[in-house]
Amino acid sequence: MLHLRLAVPHDLSADVLAVLEPDHAVCNLAVTRGGSLKPAGDLVEADIAREATDTLLRRLRALGLHDRGGITIVNIEASPSRNAVEAEQRAPGAPDDAVVWDAVLDSAEGQSHGSWSYYAFLCLATLIAAVAVVTDSAILVVGAMVVGPEFSAVAALSVGLALGRPKLSLRALGLLVRGFALAIAVTTVLSLVAVAVGWFDASTVAAPRPLTGFIWRPDHWSVVVAVLAGAAGVLSTTAGRSNALVGVFISVTTVPAAGDFSVALATGAWSQLGGASAQLGINLLGMSVAGVVTLLLQRALWDRLLRRRHHAHPA
């Protein structure tokens, strides 16, 4: 179940209630007259089955509430009341299969704008990856993958492409390019300092690395993992299962490739630059393409389910 909190202008209040009250997937409907000060109007709250939320939001958008009022969506941890259970049973499909596209788009918009914390985490993750390359440590590679925040930008890029929002896609792409450029530059400079003080040299990077050598040697499995991780990441985002994202972070070799590229650039290990660049590109492209395809499939399948339900149970 999701909780909707709506700030409704006075002249839209009756129309909004006319949408919410007859809907069998809505329960715990409450109205506070004059409860909204900005915008001035009524405060309307309701619990709604996740599967019915997107359709209901479309109807509210048609009334102009998205432009003139306020809409807040809150996840409900538990709703053990009987009316909530009945509302859930009346909604089409399963909760995990439903996508609230307004929420997905709003989240993507927020993730496409860079912040100091995004750049800081990406730089720190790339530095950890560089240490992993120098020490041939698989544990540090995993740590760098988990710390890296780049999937949020990849998800925003996929959403923009799938939903036809070119500005969103360009912002997300720009964020990825700027983020990795800064992370590689910072890691390269610090690697040069480490080389200068004698912590490691080109022979260290060029030596056989049984635990981390895969980073700069991409193969067909790199494509497979990137595609699978991109699909899993988008599904976990749209289904509200953020715990699955940790597995996505550990699966992709974006940050480790950036760290390997930086160390190779600092030590002159030119033979690894091409492979590390290819690994980074394969993972970013594979995740993005898989994300777009997954979103388009979700939308098509859910629309088909709603059409079948409408034909079976016409209003």
Protein backbone atom coordinates (compact mmCIF):
# COMPACT_ATOMS: atom_id res chain seq x y z
CA MET A 1 0.00 0.00 0.00
CA LEU A 2 1.00 3.61 -0.64
CA HIS A 3 -0.17 6.72 1.17
CA LEU A 4 -1.18 9.76 -0.88
CA ARG A 5 -1.18 13.23 0.64
CA LEU A 6 -2.77 15.78 -1.67
CA ALA A 7 -2.88 19.55 -1.38
CA VAL A 8 -5.99 20.37 -3.38
CA PRO A 9 -7.17 23.87 -4.41
CA HIS A 10 -10.74 24.53 -3.27
CA ASP A 11 -12.19 24.48 -6.79
CA LEU A 12 -10.66 21.03 -7.52
CA SER A 13 -11.60 19.40 -4.24
CA ALA A 14 -14.95 17.98 -5.37
CA ASP A 15 -13.45 16.58 -8.59
CA VAL A 16 -10.54 14.98 -6.73
CA LEU A 17 -12.88 13.33 -4.25
CA ALA A 18 -15.03 12.13 -7.13
CA VAL A 19 -11.98 10.29 -8.45
CA LEU A 20 -10.83 8.84 -5.12
CA GLU A 21 -14.03 7.91 -3.30
CA PRO A 22 -15.55 5.42 -5.79
CA ASP A 23 -12.21 3.68 -6.43
CA HIS A 24 -12.23 0.23 -4.79
CA ALA A 25 -8.42 0.27 -4.48
CA VAL A 26 -8.59 3.36 -2.23
CA CYS A 27 -9.20 3.19 1.51
CA ASN A 28 -8.75 5.33 4.62
CA LEU A 29 -9.83 8.40 2.70
CA ALA A 30 -9.78 11.57 4.82
CA VAL A 31 -10.35 15.27 4.09
CA THR A 32 -9.28 18.26 6.15
CA ARG A 33 -11.17 21.28 4.89
CA GLY A 34 -8.84 24.26 4.60
CA GLY A 35 -5.94 22.10 5.77
CA SER A 36 -3.61 23.21 2.97
CA LEU A 37 -2.12 26.69 3.17
CA LYS A 38 0.22 26.61 0.19
CA PRO A 39 -1.52 26.08 -2.14
CA ALA A 40 -4.64 27.24 -0.37
CA GLY A 41 -7.25 24.51 -0.27
CA ASP A 42 -8.07 21.18 1.30
CA LEU A 43 -5.77 18.44 2.54
CA VAL A 44 -6.82 15.05 1.18
CA GLU A 45 -5.19 11.81 2.35
CA ALA A 46 -5.78 8.24 1.29
CA ASP A 47 -4.18 4.81 1.24
CA ILE A 48 -4.14 3.10 -2.14
CA ALA A 49 -2.98 -0.22 -3.51
CA ARG A 50 0.31 0.20 -5.33
CA GLU A 51 -1.07 -1.47 -8.46
CA ALA A 52 -3.79 1.17 -8.83
CA THR A 53 -1.66 4.22 -8.06
CA ASP A 54 -0.38 4.99 -11.54
CA THR A 55 -3.86 4.93 -13.11
CA LEU A 56 -5.23 7.12 -10.34
CA LEU A 57 -2.39 9.64 -10.72
CA ARG A 58 -3.14 9.88 -14.44
CA ARG A 59 -6.73 10.82 -13.63
CA LEU A 60 -5.57 13.41 -11.11
CA ARG A 61 -3.17 14.83 -13.67
CA ALA A 62 -6.08 15.24 -16.10
CA LEU A 63 -7.78 17.39 -13.46
CA GLY A 64 -4.73 19.67 -13.28
CA LEU A 65 -3.70 18.67 -9.76
CA HIS A 66 -0.09 18.04 -10.79
CA ASP A 67 0.22 21.67 -11.90
CA ARG A 68 -1.95 23.49 -9.38
CA GLY A 69 -1.80 21.33 -6.26
CA GLY A 70 0.63 19.10 -4.40
CA ILE A 71 1.08 15.32 -4.48
CA THR A 72 3.17 13.35 -2.01
CA ILE A 73 3.60 9.57 -2.17
CA VAL A 74 4.72 7.74 0.96
CA ASN A 75 5.49 4.03 1.30
CA ILE A 76 3.52 2.26 4.03
CA GLU A 77 5.51 -0.29 6.02
CA ALA A 78 2.40 -2.18 7.13
CA SER A 79 -1.36 -1.76 6.89
CA PRO A 80 -3.01 -4.70 8.67
CA SER A 81 -6.56 -3.32 8.59
CA ARG A 82 -9.24 -5.29 6.78
CA ASN A 83 -10.21 -2.44 4.46
CA ALA A 84 -6.57 -2.14 3.31
CA VAL A 85 -6.42 -5.86 2.60
CA GLU A 86 -9.63 -5.69 0.60
CA ALA A 87 -8.39 -2.67 -1.37
CA GLU A 88 -5.22 -4.58 -2.22
CA GLN A 89 -7.22 -7.61 -3.37
CA ARG A 90 -9.38 -5.50 -5.68
CA ALA A 91 -6.42 -3.91 -7.42
CA PRO A 92 -5.11 -5.51 -10.64
CA GLY A 93 -1.95 -7.59 -10.68
CA ALA A 94 0.68 -7.93 -7.96
CA PRO A 95 2.25 -5.05 -5.99
CA ASP A 96 5.83 -5.88 -7.01
CA ASP A 97 4.87 -5.80 -10.69
CA ALA A 98 3.28 -2.36 -10.52
CA VAL A 99 5.25 0.74 -11.46
CA VAL A 100 4.33 4.22 -10.27
CA TRP A 101 5.77 6.10 -13.23
CA ASP A 102 5.42 9.54 -11.64
CA ALA A 103 7.54 8.33 -8.72
CA VAL A 104 10.11 6.75 -11.04
CA LEU A 105 10.40 9.93 -13.09
CA ASP A 106 10.61 12.15 -10.01
CA SER A 107 13.39 9.98 -8.56
CA ALA A 108 15.28 10.02 -11.86
CA GLU A 109 15.07 13.80 -12.05
CA GLY A 110 16.65 14.05 -8.61
CA GLN A 111 19.37 11.54 -9.48
CA SER A 112 20.36 13.36 -12.67
CA HIS A 113 21.60 16.44 -10.82
CA GLY A 114 25.13 16.19 -9.51
CA SER A 115 25.99 16.87 -5.87
CA TRP A 116 29.24 17.11 -3.99
CA SER A 117 28.47 13.81 -2.26
CA TYR A 118 27.99 12.03 -5.63
CA TYR A 119 31.38 13.24 -6.88
CA ALA A 120 33.01 12.53 -3.51
CA PHE A 121 31.73 8.95 -3.36
CA LEU A 122 32.75 8.29 -6.96
CA CYS A 123 36.26 9.65 -6.34
CA LEU A 124 36.62 7.63 -3.13
CA ALA A 125 35.36 4.48 -4.85
CA THR A 126 37.82 4.93 -7.71
CA LEU A 127 40.68 5.47 -5.25
CA ILE A 128 39.76 2.25 -3.43
CA ALA A 129 39.69 0.48 -6.81
CA ALA A 130 43.16 1.84 -7.59
CA VAL A 131 44.51 0.40 -4.33
CA ALA A 132 42.80 -2.88 -5.23
CA VAL A 133 44.66 -2.94 -8.54
CA VAL A 134 48.02 -2.21 -6.93
CA THR A 135 47.57 -4.81 -4.17
CA ASP A 136 45.63 -7.31 -6.32
CA SER A 137 42.86 -7.42 -3.71
CA ALA A 138 39.47 -8.84 -4.69
CA ILE A 139 37.99 -7.63 -1.40
CA LEU A 140 38.88 -4.04 -2.17
CA VAL A 141 37.39 -4.40 -5.65
CA VAL A 142 34.08 -5.40 -4.07
CA GLY A 143 34.35 -2.51 -1.63
CA ALA A 144 34.91 -0.05 -4.46
CA MET A 145 31.89 -1.42 -6.32
CA VAL A 146 29.63 -0.96 -3.31
CA VAL A 147 30.82 2.59 -2.60
CA GLY A 148 30.38 3.73 -6.21
CA PRO A 149 27.16 5.75 -6.76
CA GLU A 150 27.14 5.66 -10.55
CA PHE A 151 24.13 3.38 -10.99
CA SER A 152 21.78 6.17 -9.94
CA ALA A 153 22.90 8.19 -12.96
CA VAL A 154 22.66 5.12 -15.22
CA ALA A 155 19.10 4.53 -14.00
CA ALA A 156 18.19 8.17 -14.66
CA LEU A 157 19.65 7.88 -18.18
CA SER A 158 17.56 4.76 -18.84
CA VAL A 159 14.39 6.40 -17.54
CA GLY A 160 14.92 9.45 -19.72
CA LEU A 161 15.43 7.32 -22.83
CA ALA A 162 12.51 4.99 -22.08
CA LEU A 163 10.03 7.75 -21.24
CA GLY A 164 11.07 10.15 -23.99
CA ARG A 165 12.71 12.78 -21.77
CA PRO A 166 15.82 13.84 -23.72
CA LYS A 167 16.79 16.60 -21.28
CA LEU A 168 16.80 14.11 -18.43
CA SER A 169 18.93 11.70 -20.46
CA LEU A 170 21.44 14.41 -21.38
CA ARG A 171 21.75 15.54 -17.76
CA ALA A 172 22.33 11.98 -16.57
CA LEU A 173 24.86 11.33 -19.34
CA GLY A 174 26.66 14.56 -18.50
CA LEU A 175 26.75 13.56 -14.84
CA LEU A 176 28.33 10.21 -15.72
CA VAL A 177 30.96 11.81 -17.96
CA ARG A 178 31.86 14.56 -15.48
CA GLY A 179 31.87 12.18 -12.54
CA PHE A 180 34.20 9.62 -14.08
CA ALA A 181 36.44 12.31 -15.59
CA LEU A 182 36.89 13.90 -12.17
CA ALA A 183 37.37 10.55 -10.40
CA ILE A 184 39.98 9.41 -12.94
CA ALA A 185 41.80 12.76 -12.77
CA VAL A 186 41.95 12.75 -8.96
CA THR A 187 43.03 9.10 -8.82
CA THR A 188 45.69 9.63 -11.49
CA VAL A 189 47.20 12.60 -9.65
CA LEU A 190 47.32 10.74 -6.34
CA SER A 191 48.74 7.69 -8.10
CA LEU A 192 51.53 9.87 -9.52
CA VAL A 193 52.28 11.04 -5.98
CA ALA A 194 52.39 7.42 -4.76
CA VAL A 195 54.74 6.49 -7.62
CA ALA A 196 56.97 9.45 -6.81
CA VAL A 197 57.40 8.36 -3.19
CA GLY A 198 58.12 4.79 -4.24
CA TRP A 199 54.96 3.01 -3.10
CA PHE A 200 54.59 1.21 -6.44
CA ASP A 201 55.73 1.46 -10.06
CA ALA A 202 54.85 0.25 -13.53
CA SER A 203 56.13 -3.26 -12.83
CA THR A 204 53.57 -3.59 -10.02
CA VAL A 205 50.68 -2.80 -12.36
CA ALA A 206 52.04 -4.86 -15.24
CA ALA A 207 52.70 -7.93 -13.08
CA PRO A 208 50.30 -10.89 -13.23
CA ARG A 209 47.22 -10.11 -11.14
CA PRO A 210 45.15 -13.29 -10.74
CA LEU A 211 42.46 -11.58 -8.63
CA THR A 212 42.08 -8.25 -10.45
CA GLY A 213 43.47 -8.85 -13.94
CA PHE A 214 39.94 -9.37 -15.27
CA ILE A 215 39.30 -5.64 -14.85
CA TRP A 216 41.28 -4.64 -17.93
CA ARG A 217 40.49 -7.80 -19.91
CA PRO A 218 36.77 -7.61 -20.80
CA ASP A 219 35.14 -10.50 -22.61
CA HIS A 220 31.65 -11.65 -23.62
CA TRP A 221 30.82 -12.30 -19.97
CA SER A 222 31.34 -8.61 -19.26
CA VAL A 223 28.47 -7.84 -21.63
CA VAL A 224 26.26 -10.53 -20.08
CA VAL A 225 26.84 -9.33 -16.52
CA ALA A 226 26.30 -5.67 -17.46
CA VAL A 227 22.97 -6.47 -19.14
CA LEU A 228 21.76 -8.65 -16.28
CA ALA A 229 22.84 -6.10 -13.67
CA GLY A 230 21.14 -3.26 -15.55
CA ALA A 231 17.87 -5.17 -15.74
CA ALA A 232 18.06 -6.17 -12.07
CA GLY A 233 18.89 -2.63 -11.01
CA VAL A 234 15.95 -1.09 -12.84
CA LEU A 235 13.57 -3.76 -11.55
CA SER A 236 14.72 -3.19 -7.98
CA THR A 237 14.20 0.55 -8.41
CA THR A 238 10.72 0.37 -9.94
CA ALA A 239 9.56 -2.35 -7.54
CA GLY A 240 10.84 -0.48 -4.49
CA ARG A 241 13.30 -3.23 -3.53
CA SER A 242 16.42 -1.20 -2.82
CA ASN A 243 18.11 -4.12 -1.04
CA ALA A 244 18.70 -5.78 -4.41
CA LEU A 245 20.79 -2.81 -5.55
CA VAL A 246 23.72 -3.97 -3.42
CA GLY A 247 23.99 -7.05 -5.62
CA VAL A 248 23.88 -4.82 -8.70
CA PHE A 249 26.73 -2.66 -7.38
CA ILE A 250 28.87 -5.73 -6.72
CA SER A 251 28.19 -7.15 -10.20
CA VAL A 252 29.37 -4.31 -12.44
CA THR A 253 32.97 -3.35 -13.18
CA THR A 254 32.63 0.38 -13.78
CA VAL A 255 34.53 1.88 -10.84
CA PRO A 256 37.23 -0.85 -10.86
CA ALA A 257 37.83 -0.12 -14.55
CA ALA A 258 38.19 3.59 -13.80
CA GLY A 259 40.67 2.79 -11.03
CA ASP A 260 42.69 0.49 -13.29
CA PHE A 261 42.73 3.14 -16.02
CA SER A 262 44.00 5.77 -13.58
CA VAL A 263 46.82 3.59 -12.22
CA ALA A 264 47.83 2.50 -15.71
CA LEU A 265 47.88 6.12 -16.86
CA ALA A 266 50.01 7.19 -13.91
CA THR A 267 52.57 4.41 -14.37
CA GLY A 268 52.66 4.31 -18.15
CA ALA A 269 51.16 0.83 -18.41
CA TRP A 270 49.73 1.72 -21.81
CA SER A 271 48.70 -1.82 -22.69
CA GLN A 272 45.97 -1.72 -20.03
CA LEU A 273 44.39 1.60 -20.99
CA GLY A 274 42.38 0.22 -23.89
CA GLY A 275 41.08 -2.77 -21.95
CA ALA A 276 40.11 -0.70 -18.91
CA SER A 277 38.34 1.84 -21.13
CA ALA A 278 36.49 -0.95 -22.93
CA GLN A 279 35.43 -2.51 -19.62
CA LEU A 280 34.06 0.80 -18.40
CA GLY A 281 32.23 1.48 -21.66
CA ILE A 282 30.78 -2.04 -21.92
CA ASN A 283 29.37 -1.89 -18.41
CA LEU A 284 27.85 1.57 -18.75
CA LEU A 285 26.37 0.86 -22.18
CA GLY A 286 25.14 -2.61 -21.24
CA MET A 287 23.40 -1.36 -18.09
CA SER A 288 21.82 1.58 -19.92
CA VAL A 289 20.46 -0.51 -22.79
CA ALA A 290 19.18 -3.21 -20.44
CA GLY A 291 17.54 -0.55 -18.28
CA VAL A 292 15.71 0.98 -21.23
CA VAL A 293 14.51 -2.39 -22.51
CA THR A 294 13.35 -3.43 -19.04
CA LEU A 295 11.39 -0.22 -18.53
CA LEU A 296 9.73 -0.48 -21.94
CA LEU A 297 8.77 -4.11 -21.29
CA GLN A 298 7.37 -3.24 -17.88
CA ARG A 299 5.27 -0.47 -19.33
CA ALA A 300 3.97 -2.60 -22.20
CA LEU A 301 3.12 -5.58 -20.00
CA TRP A 302 1.38 -3.49 -17.36
CA ASP A 303 -0.65 -1.56 -19.95
CA ARG A 304 -1.69 -4.88 -21.47
CA LEU A 305 -2.80 -6.14 -18.05
CA LEU A 306 -4.87 -3.01 -17.46
CA ARG A 307 -6.52 -3.29 -20.87
CA ARG A 308 -7.42 -6.93 -20.28
CA ARG A 309 -8.86 -6.07 -16.87
CA HIS A 310 -10.85 -3.20 -18.34
CA HIS A 311 -12.37 -5.46 -21.02
CA ALA A 312 -13.17 -8.11 -18.42
CA HIS A 313 -14.62 -5.63 -15.91
CA PRO A 314 -15.77 -2.51 -17.81
CA ALA A 315 -16.62 0.48 -15.64
